Structure formats: structure tokens, C-alpha cells
Amino acid sequence: MRHATGGMRQLVDGVPVIPVLVIEKLADAVPMAVALLEGGMRVLEVTLRSPAALQAIEAMVRAVPGATVGAGTILNRDDAARARAAGAAFAVSPGYTPELGVACAELGLPLLPGAATATEVMAALDDGHDFLKFFPAEAAGGIAMLKSLAGPFPQVAFCPTGGISPANLEHYLSLANVMCVGGSWLTPSDLVRRGDWAGVTALCRSASSTAGRLR
């Protein structure tokens, strides 16, 4: 059964870093998106881990048209439907189930499904997904695991997420089977709490500079 929704690779083409955002206050959504975009981050993942998440997606889509906003922590059909209704351009899941794949395909919602083992990669491949989130990256073996997966799965590209930081960003982006990385370090809680959006932009520009040396 193959039901992957196309377009996920195209969405992140030329985008080496995807900020992974937990937005607690709706008022932070638009200035955060603007700060990220000014720092060179044009694809954003808002995780459904807070009550404000869906409204934040709506606000970002409406007020910051230069950003491509998706929804993360999509676990089931209901999550996917609510994300689509909020205007999300794509969905990201920590794992994968065929049911979720079908739901996203029916909604026309590009899906980046999660995988951490060879068995999980094979299950996603069976349904037509060859671009996967490698999660939790550091806990699941990190760079060594990605190198190991490259042998049996040369057709698969990954977006490692979970434990990515400025300290290891360059190492991950140097891997041939890594298309981009996802990370939360670009919006640290102390900067967000203070509304230091210039600080967020500076972190983004630093990450963009690192990625630019490699791509």
C-alpha cells in the first residue's frame, strides 16, 4: 500500500534547518515567526504540545506569508485534520502508522513521518515515504546510526531532530543522507520569555551561516 502525499521534499529543498517551536503564549507567535524569518528560517514547525499551538499556526499563516508553517507532534487523524484546518502546510510526526499516512494523504497534507530503526524505515518506505524524521536523533544513535542506515537505505533522506544543537549541527549536516535538521535551540525559553526577538534572529543567522558553509 502506497499512499504518501508528495511535496515534503520540495517544501524543505534548500532549507537546512527547521525550527521546532513550542508556543505557550499566542502573543509570541507572530513576532517569533518574523524573527525566525529574518534570520533565514522560512520553514517552521509548530508542535501541538501547547493549548496555543493551533491558534499560533493560524496567526503565523495569516500574518507572516513568507513563512511556510507546519504542525508537529501529529499523532493521529484528528491531529492531522485540526492542523490542516488551522492552515498548516505540512505535518511532522514522531513516529509513523499507516493510518496516519492515509489520513494525511486524504487531507492533501505532506507528512514527514518519524523513524528510529531499520524496521520503522521499512514500514514508512512501504507506504511511499522516503524522506523521514530521524527521532529522537541523539538518543537513537545519532550520527553513527544515520551512517549505518545509509547502507541499506540509500534512497532515504532524513531530518534528524532531538538533541541537535550548534555543537553538532555541522556534523549532522555533513552526512550525505541528511537533507535538513530540526531543532528547538533557535527559540530558547529565556529569550522567548523576555521577548528578545533580536536574539532569536541572531541564533538563526548563526545556524544559517554554519549551514551555508556546507551546502
N, C-alpha and C. Protein backbone atom coordinates (compact mmCIF):
# COMPACT_ATOMS: atom_id res chain seq x y z
N MET A 1 0.85 -1.19 0.00
CA MET A 1 0.00 0.00 0.00
C MET A 1 0.88 1.23 0.00
N ARG A 2 0.68 2.11 -1.00
CA ARG A 2 1.47 3.33 -1.11
C ARG A 2 0.53 4.52 -1.13
N HIS A 3 0.66 5.35 -0.10
CA HIS A 3 -0.28 6.48 -0.02
C HIS A 3 0.41 7.76 0.41
N ALA A 4 1.73 7.83 0.24
CA ALA A 4 2.44 9.03 0.67
C ALA A 4 1.94 10.25 -0.10
N THR A 5 1.80 11.36 0.62
CA THR A 5 1.49 12.62 -0.01
C THR A 5 2.79 13.28 -0.44
N GLY A 6 2.90 13.64 -1.70
CA GLY A 6 4.11 14.26 -2.20
C GLY A 6 4.28 15.68 -1.70
N GLY A 7 5.43 16.23 -1.93
CA GLY A 7 5.65 17.63 -1.66
C GLY A 7 6.53 17.94 -0.47
N MET A 8 6.77 16.98 0.41
CA MET A 8 7.56 17.29 1.60
C MET A 8 9.01 17.61 1.24
N ARG A 9 9.58 16.86 0.35
CA ARG A 9 10.96 17.15 -0.07
C ARG A 9 11.03 18.53 -0.72
N GLN A 10 10.04 18.84 -1.54
CA GLN A 10 10.04 20.15 -2.21
C GLN A 10 9.92 21.29 -1.21
N LEU A 11 9.14 21.08 -0.16
CA LEU A 11 8.96 22.12 0.85
C LEU A 11 10.27 22.49 1.54
N VAL A 12 11.11 21.50 1.77
CA VAL A 12 12.35 21.75 2.52
C VAL A 12 13.57 21.86 1.62
N ASP A 13 13.37 21.82 0.33
CA ASP A 13 14.50 21.93 -0.59
C ASP A 13 15.23 23.25 -0.34
N GLY A 14 16.51 23.17 -0.05
CA GLY A 14 17.30 24.36 0.23
C GLY A 14 17.10 24.93 1.61
N VAL A 15 16.43 24.16 2.49
CA VAL A 15 16.17 24.61 3.87
C VAL A 15 16.91 23.66 4.81
N PRO A 16 18.12 23.99 5.25
CA PRO A 16 18.90 23.05 6.05
C PRO A 16 18.46 22.92 7.51
N VAL A 17 17.76 23.94 8.03
CA VAL A 17 17.36 23.91 9.44
C VAL A 17 15.88 24.29 9.57
N ILE A 18 15.13 23.46 10.29
CA ILE A 18 13.72 23.73 10.57
C ILE A 18 13.57 23.97 12.07
N PRO A 19 13.21 25.18 12.48
CA PRO A 19 12.97 25.42 13.90
C PRO A 19 11.77 24.61 14.39
N VAL A 20 11.93 23.97 15.53
CA VAL A 20 10.85 23.21 16.17
C VAL A 20 10.36 24.04 17.35
N LEU A 21 9.11 24.48 17.28
CA LEU A 21 8.62 25.51 18.19
C LEU A 21 7.54 24.98 19.13
N VAL A 22 7.68 25.30 20.40
CA VAL A 22 6.63 25.09 21.39
C VAL A 22 6.17 26.48 21.82
N ILE A 23 4.97 26.85 21.43
CA ILE A 23 4.48 28.21 21.67
C ILE A 23 3.44 28.18 22.80
N GLU A 24 3.82 28.74 23.92
CA GLU A 24 2.94 28.74 25.08
C GLU A 24 1.96 29.91 25.08
N LYS A 25 2.40 31.06 24.53
CA LYS A 25 1.57 32.27 24.51
C LYS A 25 1.28 32.66 23.07
N LEU A 26 0.01 32.80 22.75
CA LEU A 26 -0.38 33.16 21.39
C LEU A 26 0.27 34.47 20.96
N ALA A 27 0.45 35.40 21.89
CA ALA A 27 1.04 36.69 21.56
C ALA A 27 2.47 36.57 21.03
N ASP A 28 3.13 35.46 21.32
CA ASP A 28 4.51 35.26 20.86
C ASP A 28 4.58 34.77 19.41
N ALA A 29 3.49 34.26 18.89
CA ALA A 29 3.53 33.54 17.62
C ALA A 29 4.04 34.39 16.47
N VAL A 30 3.43 35.53 16.24
CA VAL A 30 3.80 36.34 15.08
C VAL A 30 5.19 36.95 15.23
N PRO A 31 5.53 37.59 16.35
CA PRO A 31 6.90 38.12 16.45
C PRO A 31 7.96 37.03 16.39
N MET A 32 7.65 35.85 16.88
CA MET A 32 8.60 34.74 16.77
C MET A 32 8.81 34.36 15.32
N ALA A 33 7.72 34.22 14.58
CA ALA A 33 7.83 33.86 13.17
C ALA A 33 8.60 34.91 12.39
N VAL A 34 8.34 36.18 12.67
CA VAL A 34 9.06 37.26 11.99
C VAL A 34 10.56 37.18 12.30
N ALA A 35 10.89 36.97 13.57
CA ALA A 35 12.29 36.88 13.97
C ALA A 35 12.99 35.70 13.29
N LEU A 36 12.32 34.58 13.22
CA LEU A 36 12.89 33.40 12.58
C LEU A 36 13.10 33.64 11.09
N LEU A 37 12.10 34.23 10.45
CA LEU A 37 12.19 34.50 9.02
C LEU A 37 13.33 35.48 8.73
N GLU A 38 13.47 36.50 9.56
CA GLU A 38 14.55 37.47 9.37
C GLU A 38 15.92 36.82 9.53
N GLY A 39 15.97 35.73 10.31
CA GLY A 39 17.22 35.01 10.49
C GLY A 39 17.48 33.96 9.43
N GLY A 40 16.59 33.86 8.43
CA GLY A 40 16.79 32.93 7.34
C GLY A 40 16.04 31.63 7.45
N MET A 41 15.16 31.52 8.47
CA MET A 41 14.39 30.29 8.66
C MET A 41 12.99 30.46 8.06
N ARG A 42 12.75 29.85 6.92
CA ARG A 42 11.46 30.07 6.25
C ARG A 42 10.49 28.90 6.37
N VAL A 43 10.95 27.77 6.90
CA VAL A 43 10.06 26.63 7.17
C VAL A 43 10.03 26.40 8.67
N LEU A 44 8.85 26.49 9.26
CA LEU A 44 8.71 26.44 10.71
C LEU A 44 7.78 25.30 11.11
N GLU A 45 8.14 24.60 12.18
CA GLU A 45 7.29 23.53 12.73
C GLU A 45 6.77 23.96 14.10
N VAL A 46 5.46 24.11 14.20
CA VAL A 46 4.84 24.43 15.49
C VAL A 46 4.28 23.13 16.07
N THR A 47 4.83 22.69 17.17
CA THR A 47 4.40 21.42 17.75
C THR A 47 3.07 21.57 18.49
N LEU A 48 2.25 20.55 18.39
CA LEU A 48 0.96 20.56 19.09
C LEU A 48 1.15 20.12 20.54
N ARG A 49 2.02 20.82 21.24
CA ARG A 49 2.31 20.47 22.63
C ARG A 49 1.79 21.53 23.60
N SER A 50 1.06 22.48 23.09
CA SER A 50 0.53 23.53 23.96
C SER A 50 -0.87 23.90 23.49
N PRO A 51 -1.69 24.42 24.40
CA PRO A 51 -3.05 24.82 24.02
C PRO A 51 -3.09 25.90 22.95
N ALA A 52 -2.01 26.68 22.85
CA ALA A 52 -1.99 27.80 21.89
C ALA A 52 -1.53 27.39 20.50
N ALA A 53 -1.13 26.15 20.31
CA ALA A 53 -0.45 25.75 19.08
C ALA A 53 -1.27 25.99 17.82
N LEU A 54 -2.51 25.54 17.80
CA LEU A 54 -3.30 25.67 16.58
C LEU A 54 -3.61 27.13 16.25
N GLN A 55 -3.91 27.91 17.26
CA GLN A 55 -4.13 29.34 17.03
C GLN A 55 -2.84 30.03 16.59
N ALA A 56 -1.72 29.56 17.11
CA ALA A 56 -0.44 30.12 16.71
C ALA A 56 -0.18 29.86 15.23
N ILE A 57 -0.49 28.65 14.78
CA ILE A 57 -0.33 28.34 13.35
C ILE A 57 -1.20 29.26 12.51
N GLU A 58 -2.46 29.41 12.91
CA GLU A 58 -3.37 30.30 12.18
C GLU A 58 -2.81 31.72 12.10
N ALA A 59 -2.32 32.22 13.22
CA ALA A 59 -1.80 33.59 13.27
C ALA A 59 -0.57 33.75 12.39
N MET A 60 0.33 32.79 12.44
CA MET A 60 1.54 32.87 11.64
C MET A 60 1.22 32.82 10.14
N VAL A 61 0.33 31.91 9.77
CA VAL A 61 -0.04 31.77 8.36
C VAL A 61 -0.66 33.07 7.85
N ARG A 62 -1.48 33.67 8.67
CA ARG A 62 -2.19 34.90 8.26
C ARG A 62 -1.25 36.11 8.22
N ALA A 63 -0.37 36.24 9.20
CA ALA A 63 0.41 37.47 9.35
C ALA A 63 1.82 37.41 8.76
N VAL A 64 2.33 36.21 8.51
CA VAL A 64 3.72 36.07 8.03
C VAL A 64 3.73 35.18 6.79
N PRO A 65 3.26 35.71 5.67
CA PRO A 65 3.11 34.88 4.47
C PRO A 65 4.44 34.36 3.91
N GLY A 66 5.54 34.96 4.29
CA GLY A 66 6.84 34.47 3.81
C GLY A 66 7.30 33.19 4.46
N ALA A 67 6.63 32.79 5.54
CA ALA A 67 7.00 31.57 6.26
C ALA A 67 6.08 30.42 5.84
N THR A 68 6.66 29.24 5.72
CA THR A 68 5.88 28.02 5.50
C THR A 68 5.73 27.34 6.85
N VAL A 69 4.50 27.29 7.35
CA VAL A 69 4.26 26.84 8.72
C VAL A 69 3.60 25.47 8.72
N GLY A 70 4.21 24.54 9.42
CA GLY A 70 3.66 23.20 9.56
C GLY A 70 3.37 22.88 11.01
N ALA A 71 2.77 21.73 11.23
CA ALA A 71 2.40 21.29 12.58
C ALA A 71 3.17 20.04 12.94
N GLY A 72 3.74 20.04 14.15
CA GLY A 72 4.47 18.88 14.64
C GLY A 72 3.71 18.15 15.73
N THR A 73 4.26 17.02 16.14
CA THR A 73 3.62 16.13 17.12
C THR A 73 2.23 15.71 16.65
N ILE A 74 2.13 15.41 15.36
CA ILE A 74 0.89 14.88 14.79
C ILE A 74 0.87 13.37 15.03
N LEU A 75 -0.10 12.92 15.80
CA LEU A 75 -0.12 11.52 16.22
C LEU A 75 -1.22 10.69 15.58
N ASN A 76 -2.27 11.34 15.07
CA ASN A 76 -3.42 10.59 14.57
C ASN A 76 -4.22 11.43 13.58
N ARG A 77 -5.30 10.85 13.08
CA ARG A 77 -6.14 11.51 12.07
C ARG A 77 -6.71 12.83 12.59
N ASP A 78 -7.13 12.85 13.84
CA ASP A 78 -7.72 14.06 14.39
C ASP A 78 -6.70 15.19 14.45
N ASP A 79 -5.49 14.88 14.88
CA ASP A 79 -4.43 15.89 14.90
C ASP A 79 -4.19 16.45 13.50
N ALA A 80 -4.13 15.55 12.52
CA ALA A 80 -3.88 15.98 11.15
C ALA A 80 -4.99 16.88 10.63
N ALA A 81 -6.24 16.52 10.93
CA ALA A 81 -7.37 17.32 10.47
C ALA A 81 -7.38 18.69 11.11
N ARG A 82 -7.07 18.75 12.40
CA ARG A 82 -7.06 20.04 13.08
C ARG A 82 -5.92 20.92 12.57
N ALA A 83 -4.78 20.30 12.29
CA ALA A 83 -3.65 21.06 11.75
C ALA A 83 -3.98 21.62 10.38
N ARG A 84 -4.60 20.80 9.54
CA ARG A 84 -4.98 21.26 8.20
C ARG A 84 -5.97 22.41 8.28
N ALA A 85 -6.94 22.28 9.18
CA ALA A 85 -7.95 23.33 9.34
C ALA A 85 -7.33 24.63 9.82
N ALA A 86 -6.23 24.54 10.58
CA ALA A 86 -5.55 25.74 11.07
C ALA A 86 -4.67 26.39 10.01
N GLY A 87 -4.48 25.71 8.89
CA GLY A 87 -3.68 26.26 7.81
C GLY A 87 -2.30 25.69 7.67
N ALA A 88 -2.00 24.63 8.42
CA ALA A 88 -0.67 24.03 8.34
C ALA A 88 -0.36 23.56 6.93
N ALA A 89 0.87 23.81 6.49
CA ALA A 89 1.29 23.42 5.14
C ALA A 89 1.86 22.01 5.10
N PHE A 90 2.20 21.47 6.26
CA PHE A 90 2.74 20.12 6.33
C PHE A 90 2.57 19.60 7.75
N ALA A 91 2.79 18.29 7.91
CA ALA A 91 2.68 17.65 9.22
C ALA A 91 3.97 16.89 9.53
N VAL A 92 4.33 16.88 10.79
CA VAL A 92 5.51 16.13 11.26
C VAL A 92 5.07 15.24 12.41
N SER A 93 5.48 13.98 12.36
CA SER A 93 5.10 13.03 13.41
C SER A 93 6.34 12.41 14.03
N PRO A 94 6.33 12.13 15.33
CA PRO A 94 7.50 11.49 15.96
C PRO A 94 7.69 10.05 15.52
N GLY A 95 6.63 9.43 15.02
CA GLY A 95 6.68 8.06 14.53
C GLY A 95 5.84 7.94 13.28
N TYR A 96 5.40 6.71 13.00
CA TYR A 96 4.59 6.51 11.80
C TYR A 96 3.62 5.36 11.99
N THR A 97 2.39 5.55 11.50
CA THR A 97 1.43 4.47 11.38
C THR A 97 0.78 4.59 10.01
N PRO A 98 0.41 3.46 9.40
CA PRO A 98 -0.28 3.54 8.11
C PRO A 98 -1.55 4.38 8.18
N GLU A 99 -2.24 4.32 9.32
CA GLU A 99 -3.47 5.11 9.47
C GLU A 99 -3.18 6.60 9.36
N LEU A 100 -2.10 7.04 9.95
CA LEU A 100 -1.73 8.45 9.86
C LEU A 100 -1.35 8.80 8.43
N GLY A 101 -0.65 7.90 7.77
CA GLY A 101 -0.29 8.13 6.38
C GLY A 101 -1.51 8.31 5.50
N VAL A 102 -2.51 7.45 5.69
CA VAL A 102 -3.75 7.54 4.92
C VAL A 102 -4.45 8.87 5.20
N ALA A 103 -4.53 9.24 6.48
CA ALA A 103 -5.22 10.47 6.86
C ALA A 103 -4.58 11.68 6.20
N CYS A 104 -3.26 11.77 6.24
CA CYS A 104 -2.58 12.92 5.65
C CYS A 104 -2.74 12.94 4.13
N ALA A 105 -2.70 11.75 3.51
CA ALA A 105 -2.90 11.68 2.07
C ALA A 105 -4.30 12.17 1.70
N GLU A 106 -5.30 11.75 2.46
CA GLU A 106 -6.67 12.18 2.18
C GLU A 106 -6.86 13.68 2.37
N LEU A 107 -6.11 14.25 3.29
CA LEU A 107 -6.19 15.69 3.56
C LEU A 107 -5.31 16.51 2.63
N GLY A 108 -4.50 15.84 1.82
CA GLY A 108 -3.54 16.55 0.98
C GLY A 108 -2.48 17.25 1.80
N LEU A 109 -2.11 16.66 2.92
CA LEU A 109 -1.18 17.27 3.86
C LEU A 109 0.16 16.53 3.79
N PRO A 110 1.20 17.12 3.23
CA PRO A 110 2.51 16.44 3.19
C PRO A 110 2.95 16.04 4.59
N LEU A 111 3.46 14.82 4.72
CA LEU A 111 3.82 14.27 6.02
C LEU A 111 5.30 13.94 6.07
N LEU A 112 5.94 14.36 7.17
CA LEU A 112 7.31 13.94 7.49
C LEU A 112 7.19 12.99 8.67
N PRO A 113 7.16 11.68 8.41
CA PRO A 113 6.98 10.71 9.50
C PRO A 113 8.29 10.39 10.20
N GLY A 114 8.18 10.03 11.46
CA GLY A 114 9.36 9.72 12.24
C GLY A 114 9.75 8.26 12.16
N ALA A 115 11.05 7.99 12.27
CA ALA A 115 11.57 6.63 12.30
C ALA A 115 12.89 6.64 13.05
N ALA A 116 13.16 5.57 13.80
CA ALA A 116 14.41 5.49 14.55
C ALA A 116 15.13 4.17 14.36
N THR A 117 14.48 3.23 13.66
CA THR A 117 15.09 1.90 13.45
C THR A 117 14.90 1.49 12.00
N ALA A 118 15.64 0.45 11.59
CA ALA A 118 15.52 -0.06 10.23
C ALA A 118 14.11 -0.56 9.96
N THR A 119 13.50 -1.21 10.93
CA THR A 119 12.14 -1.71 10.76
C THR A 119 11.16 -0.57 10.52
N GLU A 120 11.32 0.52 11.26
CA GLU A 120 10.42 1.67 11.08
C GLU A 120 10.65 2.34 9.73
N VAL A 121 11.90 2.41 9.30
CA VAL A 121 12.19 2.96 7.98
C VAL A 121 11.51 2.12 6.90
N MET A 122 11.59 0.80 7.03
CA MET A 122 10.97 -0.09 6.04
C MET A 122 9.45 0.08 6.00
N ALA A 123 8.84 0.24 7.17
CA ALA A 123 7.38 0.42 7.21
C ALA A 123 6.98 1.70 6.50
N ALA A 124 7.73 2.77 6.72
CA ALA A 124 7.42 4.04 6.04
C ALA A 124 7.67 3.93 4.55
N LEU A 125 8.76 3.28 4.17
CA LEU A 125 9.06 3.09 2.75
C LEU A 125 7.97 2.32 2.04
N ASP A 126 7.41 1.31 2.70
CA ASP A 126 6.35 0.51 2.10
C ASP A 126 5.16 1.38 1.69
N ASP A 127 4.96 2.49 2.42
CA ASP A 127 3.85 3.38 2.11
C ASP A 127 4.27 4.59 1.30
N GLY A 128 5.49 4.54 0.76
CA GLY A 128 5.91 5.57 -0.16
C GLY A 128 6.64 6.74 0.44
N HIS A 129 7.01 6.65 1.72
CA HIS A 129 7.71 7.76 2.38
C HIS A 129 9.22 7.50 2.34
N ASP A 130 9.95 8.33 1.60
CA ASP A 130 11.41 8.18 1.52
C ASP A 130 12.14 9.40 2.08
N PHE A 131 11.41 10.28 2.74
CA PHE A 131 12.01 11.40 3.47
C PHE A 131 11.44 11.33 4.88
N LEU A 132 12.29 11.05 5.87
CA LEU A 132 11.84 10.72 7.21
C LEU A 132 12.50 11.58 8.27
N LYS A 133 11.77 11.82 9.33
CA LYS A 133 12.34 12.44 10.52
C LYS A 133 13.06 11.35 11.32
N PHE A 134 14.33 11.56 11.63
CA PHE A 134 15.07 10.61 12.48
C PHE A 134 14.98 11.14 13.90
N PHE A 135 14.17 10.44 14.71
CA PHE A 135 13.85 10.94 16.05
C PHE A 135 13.73 9.79 17.03
N PRO A 136 14.20 9.98 18.27
CA PRO A 136 15.00 11.10 18.77
C PRO A 136 16.46 10.92 18.38
N ALA A 137 16.99 11.83 17.63
CA ALA A 137 18.26 11.63 16.93
C ALA A 137 19.40 11.21 17.86
N GLU A 138 19.72 12.02 18.83
CA GLU A 138 20.86 11.71 19.68
C GLU A 138 20.62 10.45 20.50
N ALA A 139 19.44 10.30 21.04
CA ALA A 139 19.12 9.13 21.87
C ALA A 139 19.06 7.85 21.04
N ALA A 140 18.76 7.96 19.75
CA ALA A 140 18.60 6.78 18.89
C ALA A 140 19.89 6.40 18.17
N GLY A 141 21.00 7.00 18.54
CA GLY A 141 22.26 6.61 17.95
C GLY A 141 22.95 7.69 17.14
N GLY A 142 22.27 8.80 16.93
CA GLY A 142 22.88 9.96 16.31
C GLY A 142 23.54 9.72 14.97
N ILE A 143 24.69 10.32 14.81
CA ILE A 143 25.40 10.28 13.54
C ILE A 143 25.80 8.85 13.17
N ALA A 144 26.22 8.07 14.14
CA ALA A 144 26.62 6.69 13.85
C ALA A 144 25.45 5.88 13.30
N MET A 145 24.26 6.08 13.86
CA MET A 145 23.08 5.36 13.38
C MET A 145 22.71 5.80 11.97
N LEU A 146 22.77 7.09 11.70
CA LEU A 146 22.44 7.58 10.36
C LEU A 146 23.41 7.03 9.33
N LYS A 147 24.68 6.94 9.69
CA LYS A 147 25.67 6.34 8.78
C LYS A 147 25.33 4.87 8.53
N SER A 148 24.89 4.18 9.56
CA SER A 148 24.53 2.77 9.40
C SER A 148 23.30 2.59 8.52
N LEU A 149 22.33 3.49 8.66
CA LEU A 149 21.10 3.40 7.86
C LEU A 149 21.34 3.73 6.39
N ALA A 150 22.41 4.47 6.10
CA ALA A 150 22.67 4.87 4.72
C ALA A 150 22.95 3.68 3.82
N GLY A 151 23.55 2.62 4.37
CA GLY A 151 23.89 1.45 3.57
C GLY A 151 22.68 0.75 2.99
N PRO A 152 21.76 0.25 3.84
CA PRO A 152 20.61 -0.48 3.32
C PRO A 152 19.53 0.42 2.73
N PHE A 153 19.57 1.73 3.03
CA PHE A 153 18.51 2.63 2.56
C PHE A 153 19.10 3.84 1.84
N PRO A 154 19.78 3.62 0.72
CA PRO A 154 20.40 4.75 0.02
C PRO A 154 19.39 5.74 -0.55
N GLN A 155 18.15 5.30 -0.70
CA GLN A 155 17.11 6.16 -1.28
C GLN A 155 16.42 7.05 -0.25
N VAL A 156 16.75 6.87 1.02
CA VAL A 156 16.05 7.59 2.08
C VAL A 156 16.87 8.80 2.54
N ALA A 157 16.19 9.95 2.65
CA ALA A 157 16.79 11.15 3.23
C ALA A 157 16.17 11.38 4.59
N PHE A 158 16.93 11.97 5.50
CA PHE A 158 16.48 12.15 6.87
C PHE A 158 16.53 13.60 7.31
N CYS A 159 15.67 13.90 8.28
CA CYS A 159 15.71 15.16 9.02
C CYS A 159 15.88 14.81 10.49
N PRO A 160 17.12 14.73 10.98
CA PRO A 160 17.33 14.40 12.39
C PRO A 160 16.78 15.50 13.31
N THR A 161 16.10 15.08 14.35
CA THR A 161 15.54 16.01 15.33
C THR A 161 15.63 15.36 16.70
N GLY A 162 15.99 16.16 17.70
CA GLY A 162 16.11 15.63 19.05
C GLY A 162 17.55 15.62 19.49
N GLY A 163 17.96 16.69 20.16
CA GLY A 163 19.34 16.79 20.62
C GLY A 163 20.26 17.51 19.66
N ILE A 164 19.71 18.10 18.59
CA ILE A 164 20.54 18.87 17.66
C ILE A 164 20.83 20.23 18.30
N SER A 165 22.06 20.69 18.15
CA SER A 165 22.49 21.95 18.76
C SER A 165 23.61 22.55 17.92
N PRO A 166 24.01 23.78 18.22
CA PRO A 166 25.14 24.34 17.49
C PRO A 166 26.40 23.49 17.58
N ALA A 167 26.52 22.71 18.65
CA ALA A 167 27.72 21.90 18.85
C ALA A 167 27.81 20.74 17.86
N ASN A 168 26.67 20.21 17.41
CA ASN A 168 26.72 19.06 16.49
C ASN A 168 26.05 19.32 15.15
N LEU A 169 25.54 20.54 14.95
CA LEU A 169 24.83 20.87 13.72
C LEU A 169 25.64 20.56 12.48
N GLU A 170 26.89 21.00 12.47
CA GLU A 170 27.74 20.82 11.29
C GLU A 170 27.97 19.35 11.00
N HIS A 171 28.11 18.54 12.05
CA HIS A 171 28.36 17.10 11.86
C HIS A 171 27.15 16.42 11.22
N TYR A 172 25.96 16.79 11.65
CA TYR A 172 24.76 16.19 11.06
C TYR A 172 24.58 16.63 9.61
N LEU A 173 24.73 17.91 9.35
CA LEU A 173 24.51 18.42 8.00
C LEU A 173 25.56 17.92 7.02
N SER A 174 26.67 17.42 7.53
CA SER A 174 27.72 16.90 6.66
C SER A 174 27.39 15.51 6.11
N LEU A 175 26.40 14.83 6.69
CA LEU A 175 26.05 13.48 6.26
C LEU A 175 25.30 13.53 4.94
N ALA A 176 25.63 12.61 4.04
CA ALA A 176 25.03 12.59 2.71
C ALA A 176 23.54 12.30 2.74
N ASN A 177 23.07 11.54 3.74
CA ASN A 177 21.65 11.18 3.79
C ASN A 177 20.84 12.11 4.68
N VAL A 178 21.42 13.23 5.09
CA VAL A 178 20.69 14.23 5.88
C VAL A 178 20.34 15.41 4.97
N MET A 179 19.05 15.63 4.82
CA MET A 179 18.56 16.72 3.97
C MET A 179 18.44 18.02 4.75
N CYS A 180 18.09 17.90 6.02
CA CYS A 180 17.95 19.06 6.90
C CYS A 180 17.91 18.54 8.33
N VAL A 181 17.92 19.45 9.29
CA VAL A 181 17.77 19.06 10.69
C VAL A 181 16.65 19.90 11.30
N GLY A 182 16.07 19.39 12.38
CA GLY A 182 15.09 20.15 13.15
C GLY A 182 15.62 20.40 14.54
N GLY A 183 15.33 21.58 15.09
CA GLY A 183 15.84 21.86 16.43
C GLY A 183 15.09 22.96 17.14
N SER A 184 15.14 22.88 18.46
CA SER A 184 14.46 23.86 19.30
C SER A 184 15.41 24.89 19.88
N TRP A 185 16.71 24.77 19.60
CA TRP A 185 17.68 25.68 20.22
C TRP A 185 17.55 27.11 19.68
N LEU A 186 16.85 27.29 18.57
CA LEU A 186 16.74 28.62 17.97
C LEU A 186 15.77 29.53 18.72
N THR A 187 14.93 28.95 19.54
CA THR A 187 13.98 29.75 20.33
C THR A 187 14.07 29.35 21.79
N PRO A 188 15.20 29.60 22.44
CA PRO A 188 15.36 29.22 23.85
C PRO A 188 14.36 29.95 24.73
N SER A 189 13.92 29.27 25.77
CA SER A 189 12.84 29.79 26.61
C SER A 189 13.17 31.13 27.23
N ASP A 190 14.44 31.37 27.58
CA ASP A 190 14.77 32.63 28.22
C ASP A 190 14.61 33.80 27.25
N LEU A 191 15.00 33.63 26.00
CA LEU A 191 14.82 34.69 25.01
C LEU A 191 13.34 34.93 24.72
N VAL A 192 12.59 33.85 24.60
CA VAL A 192 11.16 33.99 24.33
C VAL A 192 10.46 34.67 25.48
N ARG A 193 10.81 34.29 26.69
CA ARG A 193 10.18 34.88 27.87
C ARG A 193 10.43 36.38 27.94
N ARG A 194 11.63 36.81 27.53
CA ARG A 194 11.96 38.24 27.55
C ARG A 194 11.50 38.97 26.30
N GLY A 195 11.02 38.22 25.32
CA GLY A 195 10.66 38.85 24.06
C GLY A 195 11.87 39.36 23.31
N ASP A 196 12.99 38.69 23.46
CA ASP A 196 14.23 39.10 22.81
C ASP A 196 14.27 38.49 21.40
N TRP A 197 13.50 39.07 20.51
CA TRP A 197 13.40 38.52 19.16
C TRP A 197 14.66 38.77 18.35
N ALA A 198 15.37 39.86 18.67
CA ALA A 198 16.66 40.10 18.01
C ALA A 198 17.65 38.98 18.35
N GLY A 199 17.58 38.50 19.59
CA GLY A 199 18.43 37.39 19.99
C GLY A 199 18.10 36.12 19.23
N VAL A 200 16.81 35.87 19.00
CA VAL A 200 16.38 34.71 18.22
C VAL A 200 16.89 34.83 16.78
N THR A 201 16.76 36.01 16.20
CA THR A 201 17.25 36.22 14.83
C THR A 201 18.75 35.97 14.75
N ALA A 202 19.49 36.41 15.77
CA ALA A 202 20.93 36.21 15.78
C ALA A 202 21.29 34.72 15.80
N LEU A 203 20.57 33.94 16.60
CA LEU A 203 20.81 32.50 16.64
C LEU A 203 20.53 31.87 15.28
N CYS A 204 19.47 32.33 14.63
CA CYS A 204 19.12 31.80 13.32
C CYS A 204 20.18 32.12 12.29
N ARG A 205 20.68 33.34 12.33
CA ARG A 205 21.71 33.74 11.36
C ARG A 205 22.99 32.94 11.56
N SER A 206 23.30 32.63 12.81
CA SER A 206 24.48 31.81 13.09
C SER A 206 24.30 30.41 12.51
N ALA A 207 23.10 29.83 12.70
CA ALA A 207 22.83 28.50 12.15
C ALA A 207 22.84 28.53 10.63
N SER A 208 22.28 29.58 10.05
CA SER A 208 22.27 29.71 8.60
C SER A 208 23.69 29.81 8.05
N SER A 209 24.54 30.51 8.78
CA SER A 209 25.93 30.66 8.36
C SER A 209 26.65 29.30 8.39
N THR A 210 26.42 28.54 9.47
CA THR A 210 27.02 27.21 9.56
C THR A 210 26.56 26.33 8.42
N ALA A 211 25.24 26.33 8.16
CA ALA A 211 24.69 25.51 7.10
C ALA A 211 25.20 25.95 5.74
N GLY A 212 25.36 27.26 5.57
CA GLY A 212 25.82 27.79 4.29
C GLY A 212 27.21 27.35 3.91
N ARG A 213 28.02 27.07 4.90
CA ARG A 213 29.38 26.60 4.62
C ARG A 213 29.40 25.17 4.09
N LEU A 214 28.29 24.46 4.31
CA LEU A 214 28.25 23.04 3.97
C LEU A 214 27.42 22.73 2.74
N ARG A 215 26.51 23.65 2.38
CA ARG A 215 25.56 23.36 1.30
C ARG A 215 25.84 24.18 0.05
